[in-house]
Amino acid sequence: MNLNQLETLITISKTMSFRKAGELLNLTQPAVSAQIKSLEDEFKTVLIDRNQPVTLTDSGRIFLEHAESILQTVEDLKQRLADLNQTPQGHIHLGTTTSIAIQILPRVLSYFQNQFPLIKTTIHSMTTSQIMLNVENGSIDIGITYLFDKHPALESSVLYYDTFELVVAPEHPLSKYGHIPIEKLHDLPLIMLSPETAGRRFVDQILRQLFITPQVVMELSSSEEVKRMVELNLGAAIISKLSIQNELRLGSLKMIKVNELAISHPVGVVYKSGRYLSSALHQFLQDLKGMQEIQFIGSE
């Protein structure tokens, strides 16, 4: 057995095709078939059902889990050996929400890449719940998100605080008010974040506690999408204050204070407890935690 055979099996599991796997791996289809046949002979089992579409057998699915684990162990070994150079280098996969990615990451990553040009960062945009799940299962290295819930398998550190605010278009009937009681939200047409987002869970909790029932006219997966719909005056919204700074400066959105929403929420970095920290990841976390709050929320 060799690592190339494991990579071939993993690629087939993703493409469900010997031909497509060969194209991705720069191998001929007979070479792909030979590698899988060699594995099957060595372990005396059938790993792949070759009927169309190609699928893994029960043995193949078990084998796949171990193949992925073995390759990850090899990657960790390579990273540990590279770290012996004492020069932070490597590849960081970072998960965050769309609004955080747009608001703070340009400043953070610009500074970081100037200091450590050998570190590559890939950004994955997802909801807070997806971030927590993907950090825990190792699909991403770290997350930057709202720290609403405590996860025993994850370490976290607060970077700054944000609030959620009511926003409307300048043409909206409520735009003439600087402050309104929360009762005004009764039956108010609201554009909401989707239910799996942290912001939506916060809003739902507040409204439930106060027996407020808004009229939900639209649900969207990111604050950026919500802002565009509010600017079109299709409804009001309750979203991150930091995410609307540019629109407030331009006058395309109007923020209205609602006392019950004025709760500070921590935004922080999360990573898996007990995992090996490469030099790149260690340096990134160290620099993030050392930044002052104003570096995250200051005006660009």
Protein backbone atom coordinates (compact mmCIF):
# COMPACT_ATOMS: atom_id res chain seq x y z
CA MET A 1 0.00 0.00 0.00
CA ASN A 2 1.22 3.52 -0.77
CA LEU A 3 -0.14 7.03 -0.29
CA ASN A 4 -0.95 7.45 -3.98
CA GLN A 5 -3.37 4.54 -3.75
CA LEU A 6 -5.13 6.17 -0.81
CA GLU A 7 -5.38 9.48 -2.66
CA THR A 8 -6.84 7.64 -5.65
CA LEU A 9 -9.52 5.96 -3.53
CA ILE A 10 -10.46 9.28 -1.91
CA THR A 11 -10.69 10.99 -5.32
CA ILE A 12 -12.92 8.21 -6.69
CA SER A 13 -15.18 8.56 -3.62
CA LYS A 14 -15.63 12.25 -4.49
CA THR A 15 -16.02 11.97 -8.28
CA MET A 16 -17.76 8.56 -8.40
CA SER A 17 -15.85 7.96 -11.64
CA PHE A 18 -12.57 6.22 -12.52
CA ARG A 19 -12.20 8.50 -15.57
CA LYS A 20 -12.75 11.75 -13.67
CA ALA A 21 -10.45 10.61 -10.87
CA GLY A 22 -7.75 9.88 -13.43
CA GLU A 23 -8.15 13.34 -14.95
CA LEU A 24 -7.79 15.01 -11.55
CA LEU A 25 -4.76 12.89 -10.62
CA ASN A 26 -3.14 12.98 -14.09
CA LEU A 27 -3.40 9.20 -14.36
CA THR A 28 -4.78 6.98 -17.09
CA GLN A 29 -7.98 5.10 -16.32
CA PRO A 30 -6.13 1.73 -16.38
CA ALA A 31 -3.63 3.13 -13.85
CA VAL A 32 -6.47 4.17 -11.56
CA SER A 33 -8.07 0.73 -11.87
CA ALA A 34 -4.73 -0.96 -11.17
CA GLN A 35 -4.18 1.04 -7.98
CA ILE A 36 -7.63 0.15 -6.62
CA LYS A 37 -7.22 -3.51 -7.65
CA SER A 38 -3.86 -3.61 -5.83
CA LEU A 39 -5.51 -2.29 -2.63
CA GLU A 40 -8.35 -4.80 -2.91
CA ASP A 41 -5.90 -7.67 -3.41
CA GLU A 42 -3.75 -6.59 -0.46
CA PHE A 43 -6.72 -6.30 1.93
CA LYS A 44 -8.67 -9.19 0.37
CA THR A 45 -11.90 -7.23 -0.02
CA VAL A 46 -13.90 -5.33 -2.63
CA LEU A 47 -13.70 -1.57 -2.05
CA ILE A 48 -15.62 -0.24 -5.05
CA ASP A 49 -18.81 -1.34 -6.80
CA ARG A 50 -17.87 -0.71 -10.44
CA ASN A 51 -21.46 -0.51 -11.71
CA GLN A 52 -22.49 2.93 -12.91
CA PRO A 53 -22.52 5.20 -11.06
CA VAL A 54 -19.43 4.00 -9.20
CA THR A 55 -20.03 3.67 -5.43
CA LEU A 56 -18.06 2.52 -2.41
CA THR A 57 -18.92 -0.81 -0.84
CA ASP A 58 -19.34 -1.13 2.93
CA SER A 59 -15.66 -2.12 3.11
CA GLY A 60 -14.80 0.84 0.92
CA ARG A 61 -16.54 3.30 3.22
CA ILE A 62 -14.65 1.97 6.25
CA PHE A 63 -11.40 2.01 4.29
CA LEU A 64 -12.07 5.62 3.21
CA GLU A 65 -12.30 6.82 6.81
CA HIS A 66 -8.90 5.36 7.62
CA ALA A 67 -7.38 6.56 4.34
CA GLU A 68 -8.37 10.15 5.13
CA SER A 69 -7.00 9.80 8.67
CA ILE A 70 -3.68 8.41 7.38
CA LEU A 71 -3.23 11.23 4.87
CA GLN A 72 -4.06 13.83 7.52
CA THR A 73 -1.43 12.28 9.80
CA VAL A 74 1.11 12.54 6.99
CA GLU A 75 0.20 16.21 6.41
CA ASP A 76 0.61 16.90 10.15
CA LEU A 77 4.03 15.24 10.03
CA LYS A 78 5.09 17.39 7.08
CA GLN A 79 3.91 20.51 8.91
CA ARG A 80 5.75 19.59 12.11
CA LEU A 81 8.96 19.02 10.16
CA ALA A 82 8.54 22.31 8.32
CA ASP A 83 8.09 24.06 11.66
CA LEU A 84 11.63 23.06 12.58
CA ASN A 85 12.78 25.94 10.38
CA GLN A 86 11.37 28.33 13.00
CA THR A 87 9.83 30.42 10.22
CA PRO A 88 6.01 30.64 10.43
CA GLN A 89 4.74 29.09 7.23
CA GLY A 90 1.87 26.94 6.08
CA HIS A 91 -1.78 27.13 5.06
CA ILE A 92 -4.58 28.28 7.38
CA HIS A 93 -8.24 27.56 6.61
CA LEU A 94 -10.35 30.20 8.39
CA GLY A 95 -14.14 30.14 8.67
CA THR A 96 -16.17 33.25 9.34
CA THR A 97 -19.49 34.91 8.54
CA THR A 98 -19.88 37.09 5.45
CA SER A 99 -20.31 40.32 7.43
CA ILE A 100 -17.22 39.68 9.59
CA ALA A 101 -15.21 38.73 6.50
CA ILE A 102 -16.08 42.03 4.83
CA GLN A 103 -15.84 44.22 7.92
CA ILE A 104 -12.64 43.15 9.70
CA LEU A 105 -10.68 40.55 7.73
CA PRO A 106 -9.21 42.92 5.12
CA ARG A 107 -7.46 44.86 7.90
CA VAL A 108 -6.36 41.76 9.81
CA LEU A 109 -5.13 39.78 6.81
CA SER A 110 -3.37 42.76 5.23
CA TYR A 111 -1.32 43.22 8.40
CA PHE A 112 -0.69 39.52 8.84
CA GLN A 113 0.42 38.83 5.27
CA ASN A 114 2.80 41.78 5.33
CA GLN A 115 4.41 40.33 8.44
CA PHE A 116 4.37 36.65 7.40
CA PRO A 117 4.37 36.30 3.60
CA LEU A 118 5.00 32.51 3.75
CA ILE A 119 1.59 31.89 5.36
CA LYS A 120 -1.34 31.34 3.00
CA THR A 121 -4.89 31.93 4.27
CA THR A 122 -8.08 30.57 2.70
CA ILE A 123 -11.37 32.13 3.89
CA HIS A 124 -14.55 30.04 4.06
CA SER A 125 -17.82 31.96 4.51
CA MET A 126 -20.43 30.14 6.64
CA THR A 127 -22.89 30.57 9.48
CA THR A 128 -21.81 30.51 13.15
CA SER A 129 -23.19 26.99 13.71
CA GLN A 130 -21.35 25.73 10.62
CA ILE A 131 -18.14 27.38 11.84
CA MET A 132 -18.34 25.61 15.20
CA LEU A 133 -19.05 22.24 13.54
CA ASN A 134 -16.26 22.59 10.97
CA VAL A 135 -13.67 23.69 13.54
CA GLU A 136 -14.61 20.73 15.74
CA ASN A 137 -14.34 18.17 12.91
CA GLY A 138 -11.12 19.70 11.56
CA SER A 139 -12.47 20.90 8.19
CA ILE A 140 -11.26 24.41 9.05
CA ASP A 141 -8.42 25.41 11.39
CA ILE A 142 -9.97 28.37 13.17
CA GLY A 143 -13.16 30.42 13.12
CA ILE A 144 -13.95 34.06 13.82
CA THR A 145 -17.58 34.36 14.88
CA TYR A 146 -20.08 35.32 17.57
CA LEU A 147 -19.42 33.49 20.84
CA PHE A 148 -23.03 32.92 21.92
CA ASP A 149 -22.57 29.34 23.08
CA LYS A 150 -19.83 27.48 24.96
CA HIS A 151 -18.47 24.41 23.18
CA PRO A 152 -16.46 22.06 25.43
CA ALA A 153 -14.35 20.77 22.52
CA LEU A 154 -13.33 24.28 21.43
CA GLU A 155 -11.06 26.98 22.81
CA SER A 156 -12.20 30.59 22.33
CA SER A 157 -10.91 34.10 22.90
CA VAL A 158 -12.91 37.36 22.66
CA LEU A 159 -11.63 39.85 20.07
CA TYR A 160 -14.26 42.61 20.23
CA TYR A 161 -17.95 43.27 20.95
CA ASP A 162 -20.83 44.00 18.58
CA THR A 163 -24.54 44.80 18.94
CA PHE A 164 -27.58 44.18 16.75
CA GLU A 165 -29.59 47.20 15.63
CA LEU A 166 -32.84 47.98 13.83
CA VAL A 167 -32.25 49.48 10.36
CA VAL A 168 -34.58 50.86 7.71
CA ALA A 169 -34.31 52.64 4.37
CA PRO A 170 -34.50 56.48 4.44
CA GLU A 171 -37.95 56.22 2.80
CA HIS A 172 -39.33 53.88 5.47
CA PRO A 173 -42.11 55.31 7.73
CA LEU A 174 -39.97 54.67 10.84
CA SER A 175 -36.92 56.52 9.49
CA LYS A 176 -38.09 59.80 11.02
CA TYR A 177 -37.57 58.32 14.50
CA GLY A 178 -34.21 58.10 16.25
CA HIS A 179 -35.61 55.81 18.94
CA ILE A 180 -38.69 53.61 19.20
CA PRO A 181 -40.17 51.26 21.85
CA ILE A 182 -39.86 47.58 20.99
CA GLU A 183 -43.68 47.31 20.83
CA LYS A 184 -43.42 49.06 17.45
CA LEU A 185 -41.98 45.80 16.10
CA HIS A 186 -45.40 44.13 16.47
CA ASP A 187 -46.49 43.14 12.93
CA LEU A 188 -43.61 45.19 11.45
CA PRO A 189 -42.51 43.70 8.09
CA LEU A 190 -39.01 42.39 8.86
CA ILE A 191 -36.30 41.01 6.61
CA MET A 192 -34.60 38.38 8.76
CA LEU A 193 -31.40 36.41 8.69
CA SER A 194 -31.99 32.68 8.15
CA PRO A 195 -32.83 30.60 11.27
CA GLU A 196 -29.42 28.87 11.49
CA THR A 197 -27.50 32.16 11.89
CA ALA A 198 -26.37 33.49 15.28
CA GLY A 199 -27.99 36.87 14.64
CA ARG A 200 -31.38 35.31 13.95
CA ARG A 201 -31.23 33.16 17.07
CA PHE A 202 -30.52 36.26 19.17
CA VAL A 203 -33.39 38.25 17.60
CA ASP A 204 -35.85 35.37 17.97
CA GLN A 205 -34.90 34.94 21.63
CA ILE A 206 -35.41 38.64 22.44
CA LEU A 207 -38.73 38.87 20.60
CA ARG A 208 -40.02 35.65 22.18
CA GLN A 209 -39.18 36.87 25.69
CA LEU A 210 -41.11 40.11 25.07
CA PHE A 211 -44.03 38.43 23.25
CA ILE A 212 -43.33 40.41 20.08
CA THR A 213 -44.53 38.85 16.82
CA PRO A 214 -43.08 40.58 13.76
CA GLN A 215 -44.18 39.93 10.20
CA VAL A 216 -41.28 38.05 8.55
CA VAL A 217 -41.41 38.94 4.86
CA MET A 218 -38.04 37.53 3.79
CA GLU A 219 -35.21 35.33 5.13
CA LEU A 220 -31.65 35.61 3.81
CA SER A 221 -28.40 33.87 4.67
CA SER A 222 -26.11 36.89 5.14
CA SER A 223 -26.17 40.45 6.45
CA GLU A 224 -24.97 41.72 3.07
CA GLU A 225 -28.07 40.31 1.36
CA VAL A 226 -30.31 41.67 4.11
CA LYS A 227 -28.84 45.18 3.76
CA ARG A 228 -29.49 45.26 0.01
CA MET A 229 -33.15 44.33 0.52
CA VAL A 230 -33.58 46.95 3.27
CA GLU A 231 -32.03 49.60 1.02
CA LEU A 232 -34.77 48.74 -1.52
CA ASN A 233 -37.30 49.50 1.27
CA LEU A 234 -38.71 45.98 1.22
CA GLY A 235 -38.78 45.86 5.01
CA ALA A 236 -36.85 46.67 8.19
CA ALA A 237 -34.11 44.45 9.64
CA ILE A 238 -32.16 43.75 12.83
CA ILE A 239 -28.50 43.10 11.99
CA SER A 240 -24.94 43.68 13.21
CA LYS A 241 -24.11 47.32 13.93
CA LEU A 242 -20.56 46.89 12.64
CA SER A 243 -21.83 45.50 9.34
CA ILE A 244 -23.77 48.70 8.54
CA GLN A 245 -21.09 51.33 9.18
CA ASN A 246 -20.51 52.06 5.49
CA GLU A 247 -24.25 52.29 4.71
CA LEU A 248 -24.77 54.69 7.63
CA ARG A 249 -21.97 56.92 6.33
CA LEU A 250 -23.46 56.88 2.82
CA GLY A 251 -26.99 57.48 4.14
CA SER A 252 -28.45 54.42 2.38
CA LEU A 253 -29.62 53.00 5.73
CA LYS A 254 -31.00 54.62 8.89
CA MET A 255 -30.37 53.07 12.32
CA ILE A 256 -33.11 53.31 14.96
CA LYS A 257 -32.36 52.64 18.61
CA VAL A 258 -34.41 50.01 20.44
CA ASN A 259 -33.39 49.70 24.10
CA GLU A 260 -34.05 45.97 24.37
CA LEU A 261 -31.63 45.24 21.52
CA ALA A 262 -28.73 47.12 23.13
CA ILE A 263 -26.87 44.02 24.29
CA SER A 264 -23.15 43.60 23.57
CA HIS A 265 -22.20 40.29 21.98
CA PRO A 266 -18.64 38.94 21.98
CA VAL A 267 -17.00 38.17 18.64
CA GLY A 268 -13.96 35.94 18.95
CA VAL A 269 -11.65 33.32 17.55
CA VAL A 270 -12.31 29.61 18.09
CA TYR A 271 -10.11 26.57 17.53
CA LYS A 272 -10.15 22.93 18.56
CA SER A 273 -8.94 22.11 22.07
CA GLY A 274 -5.79 20.01 22.20
CA ARG A 275 -5.00 20.12 18.49
CA TYR A 276 -1.45 20.57 17.25
CA LEU A 277 -0.83 24.22 16.38
CA SER A 278 1.45 24.66 13.38
CA SER A 279 3.81 27.63 13.41
CA ALA A 280 1.45 29.44 11.02
CA LEU A 281 -1.62 28.80 13.17
CA HIS A 282 0.21 29.58 16.40
CA GLN A 283 1.45 32.90 15.00
CA PHE A 284 -1.98 33.81 13.60
CA LEU A 285 -3.72 33.12 16.90
CA GLN A 286 -1.05 34.97 18.87
CA ASP A 287 -1.35 38.06 16.69
CA LEU A 288 -5.16 37.99 16.68
CA LYS A 289 -5.35 37.78 20.47
CA GLY A 290 -2.79 40.58 20.80
CA MET A 291 -4.76 43.05 18.69
CA GLN A 292 -6.65 45.83 20.45
CA GLU A 293 -10.40 46.06 19.91
CA ILE A 294 -10.07 49.32 17.94
CA GLN A 295 -8.04 47.46 15.30
CA PHE A 296 -11.10 45.37 14.53
CA ILE A 297 -13.88 47.94 14.77
CA GLY A 298 -12.09 51.14 13.76
CA SER A 299 -13.11 52.91 10.57
CA GLU A 300 -11.33 51.90 7.40
